[in-house]
């Protein structure tokens, strides 16, 4: 199963959204990289958060299938 974040067209969009939000919160110039903003604001990169959420969902979904049997 292919994760949605691994598709090449979705990853840049997610990073762009996170970058714009971080720029507004931190009130910095647009030239600051998203990685630097994440480090300065002590936030996790959006691609990592999406992967964590999908793994958590698969774990929970797997437990539900086994408990309902």
C-alpha atoms as a PDB file:
ATOM      1  CA  UNK A   1       0.000   0.000   0.000  1.00  0.00           C
ATOM      2  CA  UNK A   2       1.408   3.382  -1.040  1.00  0.00           C
ATOM      3  CA  UNK A   3       1.199   6.165   1.519  1.00  0.00           C
ATOM      4  CA  UNK A   4      -0.248   9.437   0.235  1.00  0.00           C
ATOM      5  CA  UNK A   5       2.802  11.425   1.428  1.00  0.00           C
ATOM      6  CA  UNK A   6       5.117   9.298  -0.732  1.00  0.00           C
ATOM      7  CA  UNK A   7       3.398  10.467  -3.897  1.00  0.00           C
ATOM      8  CA  UNK A   8       5.639  13.137  -5.407  1.00  0.00           C
ATOM      9  CA  UNK A   9       2.875  15.688  -5.989  1.00  0.00           C
ATOM     10  CA  UNK A  10       1.542  15.676  -2.401  1.00  0.00           C
ATOM     11  CA  UNK A  11       4.796  16.082  -0.476  1.00  0.00           C
ATOM     12  CA  UNK A  12       5.724  19.582  -1.762  1.00  0.00           C
ATOM     13  CA  UNK A  13       2.169  20.802  -1.147  1.00  0.00           C
ATOM     14  CA  UNK A  14       2.237  19.662   2.474  1.00  0.00           C
ATOM     15  CA  UNK A  15       5.662  21.213   3.041  1.00  0.00           C
ATOM     16  CA  UNK A  16       4.523  24.491   1.453  1.00  0.00           C
ATOM     17  CA  UNK A  17       1.474  24.682   3.737  1.00  0.00           C
ATOM     18  CA  UNK A  18       3.572  23.986   6.829  1.00  0.00           C
ATOM     19  CA  UNK A  19       6.134  26.569   5.758  1.00  0.00           C
ATOM     20  CA  UNK A  20       3.511  29.291   5.290  1.00  0.00           C
ATOM     21  CA  UNK A  21       1.989  28.551   8.684  1.00  0.00           C
ATOM     22  CA  UNK A  22       5.410  28.588  10.364  1.00  0.00           C
ATOM     23  CA  UNK A  23       6.303  31.901   8.690  1.00  0.00           C
ATOM     24  CA  UNK A  24       3.098  33.512   9.973  1.00  0.00           C
ATOM     25  CA  UNK A  25       3.606  32.190  13.502  1.00  0.00           C
ATOM     26  CA  UNK A  26       7.305  33.040  13.760  1.00  0.00           C
ATOM     27  CA  UNK A  27       6.928  36.363  11.884  1.00  0.00           C
ATOM     28  CA  UNK A  28      10.063  35.804   9.813  1.00  0.00           C
ATOM     29  CA  UNK A  29      11.027  36.433   6.194  1.00  0.00           C
ATOM     30  CA  UNK A  30       9.970  34.037   3.451  1.00  0.00           C
ATOM     31  CA  UNK A  31      13.584  33.178   2.700  1.00  0.00           C
ATOM     32  CA  UNK A  32      13.940  31.146   5.902  1.00  0.00           C
ATOM     33  CA  UNK A  33      13.871  27.432   5.107  1.00  0.00           C
ATOM     34  CA  UNK A  34      11.125  25.202   6.445  1.00  0.00           C
ATOM     35  CA  UNK A  35      13.670  22.966   8.169  1.00  0.00           C
ATOM     36  CA  UNK A  36      15.147  25.963  10.010  1.00  0.00           C
ATOM     37  CA  UNK A  37      11.690  27.124  11.056  1.00  0.00           C
ATOM     38  CA  UNK A  38      10.842  23.690  12.392  1.00  0.00           C
ATOM     39  CA  UNK A  39      14.079  23.654  14.387  1.00  0.00           C
ATOM     40  CA  UNK A  40      13.600  27.191  15.726  1.00  0.00           C
ATOM     41  CA  UNK A  41      10.017  26.573  16.738  1.00  0.00           C
ATOM     42  CA  UNK A  42      10.749  23.030  17.984  1.00  0.00           C
ATOM     43  CA  UNK A  43       8.171  21.495  15.644  1.00  0.00           C
ATOM     44  CA  UNK A  44       8.229  18.152  13.891  1.00  0.00           C
ATOM     45  CA  UNK A  45       8.444  18.225  10.093  1.00  0.00           C
ATOM     46  CA  UNK A  46       5.039  17.606   8.510  1.00  0.00           C
ATOM     47  CA  UNK A  47       6.152  14.562   6.525  1.00  0.00           C
ATOM     48  CA  UNK A  48       7.278  12.854   9.729  1.00  0.00           C
ATOM     49  CA  UNK A  49       3.978  13.672  11.453  1.00  0.00           C
ATOM     50  CA  UNK A  50       1.972  12.268   8.536  1.00  0.00           C
ATOM     51  CA  UNK A  51       3.997   9.051   8.553  1.00  0.00           C
ATOM     52  CA  UNK A  52       3.516   8.699  12.327  1.00  0.00           C
ATOM     53  CA  UNK A  53      -0.233   9.226  11.989  1.00  0.00           C
ATOM     54  CA  UNK A  54      -0.529   6.659   9.209  1.00  0.00           C
ATOM     55  CA  UNK A  55       1.452   4.074  11.190  1.00  0.00           C
ATOM     56  CA  UNK A  56      -0.688   4.716  14.274  1.00  0.00           C
ATOM     57  CA  UNK A  57      -3.845   4.325  12.180  1.00  0.00           C
ATOM     58  CA  UNK A  58      -2.623   1.022  10.753  1.00  0.00           C
ATOM     59  CA  UNK A  59      -1.839  -0.277  14.253  1.00  0.00           C
ATOM     60  CA  UNK A  60      -5.233   0.739  15.636  1.00  0.00           C
ATOM     61  CA  UNK A  61      -7.035  -0.530  12.537  1.00  0.00           C
ATOM     62  CA  UNK A  62      -5.241  -3.869  12.857  1.00  0.00           C
ATOM     63  CA  UNK A  63      -6.287  -4.245  16.504  1.00  0.00           C
ATOM     64  CA  UNK A  64      -9.923  -3.545  15.655  1.00  0.00           C
ATOM     65  CA  UNK A  65      -9.934  -6.291  13.013  1.00  0.00           C
ATOM     66  CA  UNK A  66      -8.492  -8.822  15.459  1.00  0.00           C
ATOM     67  CA  UNK A  67     -10.798  -7.933  18.377  1.00  0.00           C
ATOM     68  CA  UNK A  68     -14.005  -8.077  16.305  1.00  0.00           C
ATOM     69  CA  UNK A  69     -13.344 -11.633  15.102  1.00  0.00           C
END
